[in-house]
C-alpha atoms as a PDB file:
ATOM      1  CA  MET A   1       0.000   0.000   0.000  1.00  0.00           C
ATOM      2  CA  ALA A   2       1.389   3.389  -0.946  1.00  0.00           C
ATOM      3  CA  ASP A   3       1.982   6.037   1.667  1.00  0.00           C
ATOM      4  CA  TYR A   4      -0.089   9.043   0.690  1.00  0.00           C
ATOM      5  CA  ALA A   5      -2.421  11.561   2.218  1.00  0.00           C
ATOM      6  CA  GLY A   6      -5.956  10.249   1.961  1.00  0.00           C
ATOM      7  CA  LYS A   7      -8.886  12.224   0.658  1.00  0.00           C
ATOM      8  CA  ASP A   8      -9.827  13.132   4.211  1.00  0.00           C
ATOM      9  CA  VAL A   9      -7.133  13.898   6.739  1.00  0.00           C
ATOM     10  CA  TYR A  10      -8.048  12.384  10.073  1.00  0.00           C
ATOM     11  CA  ASP A  11      -6.521  11.515  13.403  1.00  0.00           C
ATOM     12  CA  PRO A  12      -6.862   7.766  14.203  1.00  0.00           C
ATOM     13  CA  THR A  13      -7.173   8.603  17.902  1.00  0.00           C
ATOM     14  CA  THR A  14     -10.316  10.698  17.326  1.00  0.00           C
ATOM     15  CA  ALA A  15     -11.711   9.069  14.161  1.00  0.00           C
ATOM     16  CA  ALA A  16     -14.305   7.084  16.158  1.00  0.00           C
ATOM     17  CA  SER A  17     -16.394  10.276  16.170  1.00  0.00           C
ATOM     18  CA  MET A  18     -16.908   9.767  12.412  1.00  0.00           C
ATOM     19  CA  PHE A  19     -19.044   6.676  13.113  1.00  0.00           C
ATOM     20  CA  ASP A  20     -22.285   5.752  14.881  1.00  0.00           C
ATOM     21  CA  PRO A  21     -21.162   4.253  18.233  1.00  0.00           C
ATOM     22  CA  SER A  22     -23.920   1.610  18.107  1.00  0.00           C
ATOM     23  CA  ALA A  23     -22.910   0.358  14.650  1.00  0.00           C
ATOM     24  CA  TRP A  24     -19.619  -1.347  15.542  1.00  0.00           C
ATOM     25  CA  ARG A  25     -19.701  -5.063  14.610  1.00  0.00           C
ATOM     26  CA  LYS A  26     -17.323  -7.775  15.790  1.00  0.00           C
ATOM     27  CA  SER A  27     -16.105 -10.535  13.537  1.00  0.00           C
ATOM     28  CA  PHE A  28     -18.174 -13.708  13.699  1.00  0.00           C
ATOM     29  CA  ALA A  29     -14.866 -15.484  14.294  1.00  0.00           C
ATOM     30  CA  SER A  30     -14.131 -13.431  17.403  1.00  0.00           C
ATOM     31  CA  GLU A  31     -13.091 -15.410  20.444  1.00  0.00           C
ATOM     32  CA  PRO A  32     -15.593 -15.313  23.351  1.00  0.00           C
ATOM     33  CA  ASN A  33     -13.252 -13.033  25.318  1.00  0.00           C
ATOM     34  CA  GLY A  34     -12.879 -10.698  22.311  1.00  0.00           C
ATOM     35  CA  GLY A  35      -9.217 -11.499  21.772  1.00  0.00           C
ATOM     36  CA  ASN A  36      -7.387 -11.232  18.466  1.00  0.00           C
ATOM     37  CA  CYS A  37     -10.197  -9.580  16.543  1.00  0.00           C
ATOM     38  CA  VAL A  38     -11.296  -6.319  15.096  1.00  0.00           C
ATOM     39  CA  GLU A  39     -14.566  -4.474  14.881  1.00  0.00           C
ATOM     40  CA  VAL A  40     -15.805  -2.720  11.766  1.00  0.00           C
ATOM     41  CA  ASN A  41     -18.261   0.084  11.289  1.00  0.00           C
ATOM     42  CA  LEU A  42     -19.840   0.709   7.890  1.00  0.00           C
ATOM     43  CA  GLY A  43     -21.173   4.193   7.549  1.00  0.00           C
ATOM     44  CA  ARG A  44     -21.171   7.429   5.562  1.00  0.00           C
ATOM     45  CA  GLY A  45     -19.218   5.917   2.660  1.00  0.00           C
ATOM     46  CA  LYS A  46     -16.389   4.985   5.006  1.00  0.00           C
ATOM     47  CA  VAL A  47     -15.333   1.864   6.875  1.00  0.00           C
ATOM     48  CA  GLY A  48     -13.830   2.152  10.346  1.00  0.00           C
ATOM     49  CA  VAL A  49     -11.680  -0.618  11.813  1.00  0.00           C
ATOM     50  CA  ARG A  50     -10.582  -0.863  15.448  1.00  0.00           C
ATOM     51  CA  ASP A  51      -9.166  -3.389  17.915  1.00  0.00           C
ATOM     52  CA  THR A  52     -11.809  -5.113  20.070  1.00  0.00           C
ATOM     53  CA  LYS A  53      -9.429  -5.447  23.014  1.00  0.00           C
ATOM     54  CA  LEU A  54      -8.673  -1.749  23.416  1.00  0.00           C
ATOM     55  CA  SER A  55     -11.468   0.456  24.726  1.00  0.00           C
ATOM     56  CA  ASP A  56      -9.777   3.556  23.269  1.00  0.00           C
ATOM     57  CA  SER A  57      -8.430   1.855  20.163  1.00  0.00           C
ATOM     58  CA  PRO A  58      -7.338   4.061  17.288  1.00  0.00           C
ATOM     59  CA  VAL A  59      -9.751   3.809  14.367  1.00  0.00           C
ATOM     60  CA  PHE A  60      -8.404   3.314  10.884  1.00  0.00           C
ATOM     61  CA  VAL A  61     -10.654   4.664   8.149  1.00  0.00           C
ATOM     62  CA  PHE A  62     -10.930   3.316   4.605  1.00  0.00           C
ATOM     63  CA  ASP A  63     -13.121   4.375   1.735  1.00  0.00           C
ATOM     64  CA  GLU A  64     -15.445   1.771   0.217  1.00  0.00           C
ATOM     65  CA  GLY A  65     -13.081   1.004  -2.702  1.00  0.00           C
ATOM     66  CA  GLU A  66     -10.145   0.363  -0.391  1.00  0.00           C
ATOM     67  CA  TRP A  67     -12.282  -1.880   1.826  1.00  0.00           C
ATOM     68  CA  ASP A  68     -13.625  -3.837  -1.160  1.00  0.00           C
ATOM     69  CA  ALA A  69     -10.070  -4.399  -2.447  1.00  0.00           C
ATOM     70  CA  PHE A  70      -9.008  -5.619   1.007  1.00  0.00           C
ATOM     71  CA  LEU A  71     -11.919  -8.099   1.172  1.00  0.00           C
ATOM     72  CA  VAL A  72     -11.117  -9.458  -2.301  1.00  0.00           C
ATOM     73  CA  ALA A  73      -7.500  -9.999  -1.219  1.00  0.00           C
ATOM     74  CA  VAL A  74      -8.542 -11.739   2.016  1.00  0.00           C
ATOM     75  CA  LYS A  75     -10.915 -14.069   0.158  1.00  0.00           C
ATOM     76  CA  ALA A  76      -8.169 -14.854  -2.365  1.00  0.00           C
ATOM     77  CA  GLY A  77      -5.850 -15.913   0.480  1.00  0.00           C
ATOM     78  CA  GLN A  78      -3.281 -13.169  -0.054  1.00  0.00           C
ATOM     79  CA  PHE A  79      -2.810 -12.724   3.691  1.00  0.00           C
ATOM     80  CA  ASP A  80      -2.858 -16.385   4.722  1.00  0.00           C
ATOM     81  CA  LEU A  81       0.099 -17.515   6.793  1.00  0.00           C
ATOM     82  CA  PRO A  82       2.390 -20.154   5.272  1.00  0.00           C
ATOM     83  CA  ARG A  83       1.594 -23.704   6.349  1.00  0.00           C
END
């Protein structure tokens, strides 16, 4: 991924304010104690991603195209660990 200034400059430590607090969703694969997972929030043409374990987690924001490209790569196995 290239390092560049996104369309919207934001601070990951305050980006949670860009999203509806009740719309955060945990992965269905999340462990019962919430370990090793992320939450996503789909809203306003943006996708927010944060760590489930950290109550004040920074929020990383992606536009819909970036998120779609990430999901395609995940489904294609591009991030799978070697066996």
